[in-house]
C-alpha atoms as a PDB file:
ATOM      1  CA  MET A   1       7.230 -16.836  -6.720  1.00  0.00           C
ATOM      2  CA  SER A   2       5.424 -20.127  -8.028  1.00  0.00           C
ATOM      3  CA  SER A   3       2.118 -20.271  -9.471  1.00  0.00           C
ATOM      4  CA  ALA A   4       0.660 -22.402  -6.329  1.00  0.00           C
ATOM      5  CA  GLU A   5       2.389 -19.362  -4.333  1.00  0.00           C
ATOM      6  CA  VAL A   6       0.665 -16.637  -5.990  1.00  0.00           C
ATOM      7  CA  THR A   7      -2.744 -18.483  -6.328  1.00  0.00           C
ATOM      8  CA  ARG A   8      -2.581 -19.150  -2.375  1.00  0.00           C
ATOM      9  CA  LEU A   9      -1.779 -15.037  -1.936  1.00  0.00           C
ATOM     10  CA  ARG A  10      -4.595 -14.099  -4.212  1.00  0.00           C
ATOM     11  CA  ARG A  11      -6.821 -16.455  -2.042  1.00  0.00           C
ATOM     12  CA  LEU A  12      -5.221 -14.811   1.296  1.00  0.00           C
ATOM     13  CA  LEU A  13      -6.119 -11.618   0.179  1.00  0.00           C
ATOM     14  CA  ALA A  14      -9.424 -11.753  -1.477  1.00  0.00           C
ATOM     15  CA  GLU A  15     -11.020 -14.092   1.185  1.00  0.00           C
ATOM     16  CA  GLY A  16      -9.250 -12.770   4.018  1.00  0.00           C
ATOM     17  CA  VAL A  17      -7.990  -9.290   3.787  1.00  0.00           C
ATOM     18  CA  ALA A  18     -10.581  -7.736   1.381  1.00  0.00           C
ATOM     19  CA  CYS A  19     -13.488  -9.595   3.243  1.00  0.00           C
ATOM     20  CA  VAL A  20     -12.485  -8.703   6.584  1.00  0.00           C
ATOM     21  CA  ALA A  21     -11.924  -4.856   5.512  1.00  0.00           C
ATOM     22  CA  ALA A  22     -15.413  -5.007   4.160  1.00  0.00           C
ATOM     23  CA  GLU A  23     -17.198  -6.613   7.264  1.00  0.00           C
ATOM     24  CA  GLU A  24     -15.307  -4.042   9.696  1.00  0.00           C
ATOM     25  CA  GLY A  25     -15.303  -0.945   7.590  1.00  0.00           C
ATOM     26  CA  ILE A  26     -11.596  -1.008   7.457  1.00  0.00           C
ATOM     27  CA  THR A  27     -10.179   1.834   4.644  1.00  0.00           C
ATOM     28  CA  ILE A  28      -7.472  -0.413   2.524  1.00  0.00           C
ATOM     29  CA  ILE A  29      -4.385   1.925   1.851  1.00  0.00           C
ATOM     30  CA  ASP A  30      -1.973   0.719  -1.014  1.00  0.00           C
ATOM     31  CA  GLY A  31       0.250   1.883  -3.873  1.00  0.00           C
ATOM     32  CA  GLY A  32      -2.479   2.294  -6.367  1.00  0.00           C
ATOM     33  CA  THR A  33      -0.785   0.473  -9.167  1.00  0.00           C
ATOM     34  CA  GLN A  34      -2.254  -2.471 -11.148  1.00  0.00           C
ATOM     35  CA  ALA A  35       0.652  -4.747 -10.248  1.00  0.00           C
ATOM     36  CA  GLY A  36       1.786  -7.347  -7.918  1.00  0.00           C
ATOM     37  CA  VAL A  37      -0.276  -7.438  -4.272  1.00  0.00           C
ATOM     38  CA  MET A  38      -1.804  -4.050  -4.957  1.00  0.00           C
ATOM     39  CA  GLN A  39      -3.563  -5.656  -7.996  1.00  0.00           C
ATOM     40  CA  MET A  40      -4.269  -8.564  -5.704  1.00  0.00           C
ATOM     41  CA  ILE A  41      -6.015  -6.496  -3.198  1.00  0.00           C
ATOM     42  CA  GLY A  42      -7.933  -4.429  -5.840  1.00  0.00           C
ATOM     43  CA  GLU A  43      -9.097  -7.897  -7.454  1.00  0.00           C
ATOM     44  CA  GLY A  44     -10.055  -9.165  -3.926  1.00  0.00           C
ATOM     45  CA  ARG A  45     -11.995  -5.910  -3.103  1.00  0.00           C
ATOM     46  CA  ALA A  46     -14.108  -6.136  -6.584  1.00  0.00           C
ATOM     47  CA  ALA A  47     -14.884  -9.907  -5.570  1.00  0.00           C
ATOM     48  CA  ALA A  48     -16.113  -8.660  -2.173  1.00  0.00           C
ATOM     49  CA  ARG A  49     -19.920  -8.942  -1.510  1.00  0.00           C
ATOM     50  CA  ASP A  50     -19.857  -5.592   0.827  1.00  0.00           C
ATOM     51  CA  CYS A  51     -16.863  -3.755  -0.737  1.00  0.00           C
ATOM     52  CA  ALA A  52     -14.151  -1.581   1.640  1.00  0.00           C
ATOM     53  CA  LEU A  53     -13.001   1.808   0.788  1.00  0.00           C
ATOM     54  CA  LEU A  54      -9.792   1.286  -1.110  1.00  0.00           C
ATOM     55  CA  LEU A  55      -7.426   4.203  -1.274  1.00  0.00           C
ATOM     56  CA  GLY A  56      -4.402   4.110  -4.101  1.00  0.00           C
ATOM     57  CA  VAL A  57      -1.572   6.397  -3.442  1.00  0.00           C
ATOM     58  CA  CYS A  58       0.900   6.374  -6.223  1.00  0.00           C
ATOM     59  CA  PRO A  59       3.463   8.610  -8.183  1.00  0.00           C
ATOM     60  CA  ALA A  60       2.170  10.963 -10.600  1.00  0.00           C
ATOM     61  CA  ALA A  61       4.672   9.423 -13.241  1.00  0.00           C
ATOM     62  CA  LEU A  62       2.745   5.919 -13.292  1.00  0.00           C
ATOM     63  CA  VAL A  63      -0.480   7.680 -13.850  1.00  0.00           C
ATOM     64  CA  SER A  64      -2.272   7.792 -17.110  1.00  0.00           C
ATOM     65  CA  TRP A  65      -5.435   9.592 -17.782  1.00  0.00           C
ATOM     66  CA  PRO A  66      -6.953   8.168 -21.260  1.00  0.00           C
ATOM     67  CA  GLY A  67      -8.087  11.013 -23.712  1.00  0.00           C
ATOM     68  CA  ARG A  68      -6.677  13.701 -21.646  1.00  0.00           C
ATOM     69  CA  ALA A  69      -3.231  15.155 -19.902  1.00  0.00           C
ATOM     70  CA  LEU A  70      -2.193  14.207 -16.679  1.00  0.00           C
ATOM     71  CA  SER A  71      -3.227  16.874 -14.440  1.00  0.00           C
ATOM     72  CA  PRO A  72      -2.575  15.259 -10.988  1.00  0.00           C
ATOM     73  CA  PRO A  73      -3.823  16.991  -7.597  1.00  0.00           C
ATOM     74  CA  VAL A  74      -1.475  17.770  -5.556  1.00  0.00           C
ATOM     75  CA  LEU A  75      -1.866  16.160  -2.348  1.00  0.00           C
ATOM     76  CA  SER A  76      -2.440  18.121   0.819  1.00  0.00           C
ATOM     77  CA  THR A  77      -4.245  16.921   4.105  1.00  0.00           C
ATOM     78  CA  ALA A  78      -7.058  20.142   3.042  1.00  0.00           C
ATOM     79  CA  ASP A  79      -7.264  18.417  -0.474  1.00  0.00           C
ATOM     80  CA  LEU A  80      -7.691  15.029   0.769  1.00  0.00           C
ATOM     81  CA  VAL A  81     -10.397  16.416   3.320  1.00  0.00           C
ATOM     82  CA  LYS A  82     -12.295  18.561   0.841  1.00  0.00           C
ATOM     83  CA  ASP A  83     -12.109  16.338  -2.185  1.00  0.00           C
ATOM     84  CA  ALA A  84     -12.797  12.814  -0.215  1.00  0.00           C
ATOM     85  CA  GLY A  85     -14.891  13.883   2.760  1.00  0.00           C
ATOM     86  CA  LEU A  86     -12.364  12.202   4.721  1.00  0.00           C
ATOM     87  CA  THR A  87     -11.958  13.321   8.516  1.00  0.00           C
ATOM     88  CA  ASN A  88      -9.947  10.164   9.824  1.00  0.00           C
ATOM     89  CA  TRP A  89      -6.939  11.333  11.550  1.00  0.00           C
ATOM     90  CA  TRP A  90      -5.045   8.259  10.711  1.00  0.00           C
ATOM     91  CA  LEU A  91      -5.351   8.370   7.103  1.00  0.00           C
ATOM     92  CA  MET A  92      -3.885  12.283   7.315  1.00  0.00           C
ATOM     93  CA  VAL A  93      -0.966  10.684   9.350  1.00  0.00           C
ATOM     94  CA  ALA A  94      -0.363   8.074   6.789  1.00  0.00           C
ATOM     95  CA  MET A  95       0.069  10.803   4.069  1.00  0.00           C
ATOM     96  CA  LEU A  96       2.144  13.116   5.841  1.00  0.00           C
ATOM     97  CA  PRO A  97       5.635  11.686   4.918  1.00  0.00           C
ATOM     98  CA  LEU A  98       4.537  11.895   0.998  1.00  0.00           C
ATOM     99  CA  ILE A  99       3.264  15.583   1.871  1.00  0.00           C
ATOM    100  CA  MET A 100       6.432  16.658   3.667  1.00  0.00           C
ATOM    101  CA  ALA A 101       8.991  15.166   1.292  1.00  0.00           C
ATOM    102  CA  GLY A 102       6.894  17.417  -1.488  1.00  0.00           C
ATOM    103  CA  VAL A 103       6.337  14.060  -3.424  1.00  0.00           C
ATOM    104  CA  THR A 104       3.568  15.119  -5.991  1.00  0.00           C
ATOM    105  CA  VAL A 105       0.964  11.895  -6.070  1.00  0.00           C
ATOM    106  CA  CYS A 106      -2.334  11.034  -7.100  1.00  0.00           C
ATOM    107  CA  TYR A 107      -4.869   9.537  -5.141  1.00  0.00           C
ATOM    108  CA  PHE A 108      -7.889   7.236  -5.887  1.00  0.00           C
ATOM    109  CA  LEU A 109     -10.788   6.772  -3.892  1.00  0.00           C
ATOM    110  CA  VAL A 110     -12.837   3.687  -4.854  1.00  0.00           C
ATOM    111  CA  ARG A 111     -16.120   3.349  -2.664  1.00  0.00           C
ATOM    112  CA  THR A 112     -18.705   0.870  -3.840  1.00  0.00           C
ATOM    113  CA  THR A 113     -21.171  -0.909  -1.969  1.00  0.00           C
ATOM    114  CA  VAL A 114     -23.048  -3.921  -3.483  1.00  0.00           C
ATOM    115  CA  VAL A 115     -26.817  -3.691  -1.885  1.00  0.00           C
END
């Protein structure tokens, strides 16, 4: 991708996707890594005046916990509801393939509202 294309994509994600998600109260689900489009989504979300909920899901092996040993939560719908207070059925459905595949994942919820 050329630098001009990357710049246009960053703008689309920051001014388009992230802003619309914040305005409409939409939860963004992505791969949870600091690379490529996922990084751009995170940057766009951080720059938005009102922030949307961002749920990043990635393999536990990609997560580092500075200063402590890795102890990733094992994802289940019950854990997600209990830990995050989420009751959205579509979010549970989105996670079901990972749960059924027995994939150990870490999930991160970032909810910040700028007042």
